[in-house]
Amino acid sequence: MKQLTRKKWKDPGIVMVIILSLVSLFVWVWWPTDTFIGGISLAGWAMFVCFFIWLVLTVAYVIWMEKIEKEEIE
């Protein structure tokens, strides 16, 4: 099995999986079942806010990958 090199740790896919895992872990560890704001559980609000986090991460990933592919071509 190959070891992960410094370059591998900077791979956009690995970075994004780590970030997504940390955000998901935060939501699952902190799952407020009895706290409601506006009639909606805080877990529901957290999932709603996470949608925008996923959107930003997806755009960042696409831009990052395009930049890497452009550098490889040149």
C-alpha atoms as a PDB file:
ATOM      1  CA  MET A   1       0.000   0.000   0.000  1.00  0.00           C
ATOM      2  CA  LYS A   2       1.372   3.383  -0.949  1.00  0.00           C
ATOM      3  CA  GLN A   3       1.883   6.002   1.708  1.00  0.00           C
ATOM      4  CA  LEU A   4       0.104   9.295   1.399  1.00  0.00           C
ATOM      5  CA  THR A   5       2.611  11.901   0.382  1.00  0.00           C
ATOM      6  CA  ARG A   6       2.399  15.612   1.044  1.00  0.00           C
ATOM      7  CA  LYS A   7       1.061  16.074  -2.489  1.00  0.00           C
ATOM      8  CA  LYS A   8      -1.727  13.560  -1.842  1.00  0.00           C
ATOM      9  CA  TRP A   9      -2.822  15.472   1.270  1.00  0.00           C
ATOM     10  CA  LYS A  10      -3.205  18.569  -0.932  1.00  0.00           C
ATOM     11  CA  ASP A  11      -5.411  16.704  -3.411  1.00  0.00           C
ATOM     12  CA  PRO A  12      -8.751  18.554  -3.674  1.00  0.00           C
ATOM     13  CA  GLY A  13     -10.767  15.354  -3.302  1.00  0.00           C
ATOM     14  CA  ILE A  14      -9.096  14.354  -0.041  1.00  0.00           C
ATOM     15  CA  VAL A  15      -9.364  17.883   1.364  1.00  0.00           C
ATOM     16  CA  MET A  16     -13.053  18.116   0.476  1.00  0.00           C
ATOM     17  CA  VAL A  17     -13.837  14.690   1.982  1.00  0.00           C
ATOM     18  CA  ILE A  18     -12.117  15.731   5.215  1.00  0.00           C
ATOM     19  CA  ILE A  19     -14.052  19.017   5.363  1.00  0.00           C
ATOM     20  CA  LEU A  20     -17.381  17.341   4.574  1.00  0.00           C
ATOM     21  CA  SER A  21     -16.693  14.660   7.169  1.00  0.00           C
ATOM     22  CA  LEU A  22     -15.903  17.243   9.850  1.00  0.00           C
ATOM     23  CA  VAL A  23     -19.077  19.218   9.159  1.00  0.00           C
ATOM     24  CA  SER A  24     -21.163  16.021   9.150  1.00  0.00           C
ATOM     25  CA  LEU A  25     -19.507  14.865  12.353  1.00  0.00           C
ATOM     26  CA  PHE A  26     -20.339  18.192  13.985  1.00  0.00           C
ATOM     27  CA  VAL A  27     -24.023  17.877  13.050  1.00  0.00           C
ATOM     28  CA  TRP A  28     -24.268  14.241  14.196  1.00  0.00           C
ATOM     29  CA  VAL A  29     -22.386  14.777  17.470  1.00  0.00           C
ATOM     30  CA  TRP A  30     -24.341  17.910  18.304  1.00  0.00           C
ATOM     31  CA  TRP A  31     -27.879  16.787  17.498  1.00  0.00           C
ATOM     32  CA  PRO A  32     -30.219  19.032  19.509  1.00  0.00           C
ATOM     33  CA  THR A  33     -33.535  17.222  19.751  1.00  0.00           C
ATOM     34  CA  ASP A  34     -35.348  19.485  22.173  1.00  0.00           C
ATOM     35  CA  THR A  35     -34.211  22.902  20.999  1.00  0.00           C
ATOM     36  CA  PHE A  36     -36.499  24.639  18.515  1.00  0.00           C
ATOM     37  CA  ILE A  37     -36.276  28.004  16.778  1.00  0.00           C
ATOM     38  CA  GLY A  38     -39.263  29.101  14.745  1.00  0.00           C
ATOM     39  CA  GLY A  39     -40.867  25.700  15.259  1.00  0.00           C
ATOM     40  CA  ILE A  40     -37.959  23.903  13.599  1.00  0.00           C
ATOM     41  CA  SER A  41     -35.341  21.838  15.433  1.00  0.00           C
ATOM     42  CA  LEU A  42     -31.833  23.258  15.516  1.00  0.00           C
ATOM     43  CA  ALA A  43     -30.729  20.086  13.721  1.00  0.00           C
ATOM     44  CA  GLY A  44     -33.043  21.045  10.864  1.00  0.00           C
ATOM     45  CA  TRP A  45     -31.599  24.547  10.778  1.00  0.00           C
ATOM     46  CA  ALA A  46     -28.082  23.094  10.814  1.00  0.00           C
ATOM     47  CA  MET A  47     -28.897  20.862   7.852  1.00  0.00           C
ATOM     48  CA  PHE A  48     -30.380  23.851   6.001  1.00  0.00           C
ATOM     49  CA  VAL A  49     -27.252  25.938   6.607  1.00  0.00           C
ATOM     50  CA  CYS A  50     -25.072  22.979   5.591  1.00  0.00           C
ATOM     51  CA  PHE A  51     -26.696  23.047   2.154  1.00  0.00           C
ATOM     52  CA  PHE A  52     -24.991  26.381   1.516  1.00  0.00           C
ATOM     53  CA  ILE A  53     -21.713  25.062   2.920  1.00  0.00           C
ATOM     54  CA  TRP A  54     -21.902  22.108   0.482  1.00  0.00           C
ATOM     55  CA  LEU A  55     -22.643  24.536  -2.353  1.00  0.00           C
ATOM     56  CA  VAL A  56     -19.610  26.686  -1.567  1.00  0.00           C
ATOM     57  CA  LEU A  57     -17.397  23.604  -1.176  1.00  0.00           C
ATOM     58  CA  THR A  58     -18.601  22.240  -4.519  1.00  0.00           C
ATOM     59  CA  VAL A  59     -17.826  25.492  -6.321  1.00  0.00           C
ATOM     60  CA  ALA A  60     -14.417  25.677  -4.631  1.00  0.00           C
ATOM     61  CA  TYR A  61     -13.699  22.056  -5.616  1.00  0.00           C
ATOM     62  CA  VAL A  62     -14.595  22.659  -9.273  1.00  0.00           C
ATOM     63  CA  ILE A  63     -12.477  25.812  -9.472  1.00  0.00           C
ATOM     64  CA  TRP A  64      -9.583  24.066  -7.703  1.00  0.00           C
ATOM     65  CA  MET A  65      -9.720  21.055 -10.050  1.00  0.00           C
ATOM     66  CA  GLU A  66      -9.915  23.289 -13.135  1.00  0.00           C
ATOM     67  CA  LYS A  67      -6.829  25.158 -11.915  1.00  0.00           C
ATOM     68  CA  ILE A  68      -4.903  21.888 -11.370  1.00  0.00           C
ATOM     69  CA  GLU A  69      -5.916  20.527 -14.789  1.00  0.00           C
ATOM     70  CA  LYS A  70      -4.920  23.809 -16.458  1.00  0.00           C
ATOM     71  CA  GLU A  71      -1.498  23.665 -14.756  1.00  0.00           C
ATOM     72  CA  GLU A  72      -0.987  20.058 -15.925  1.00  0.00           C
ATOM     73  CA  ILE A  73      -1.750  20.989 -19.533  1.00  0.00           C
ATOM     74  CA  GLU A  74       0.722  23.883 -19.566  1.00  0.00           C
END
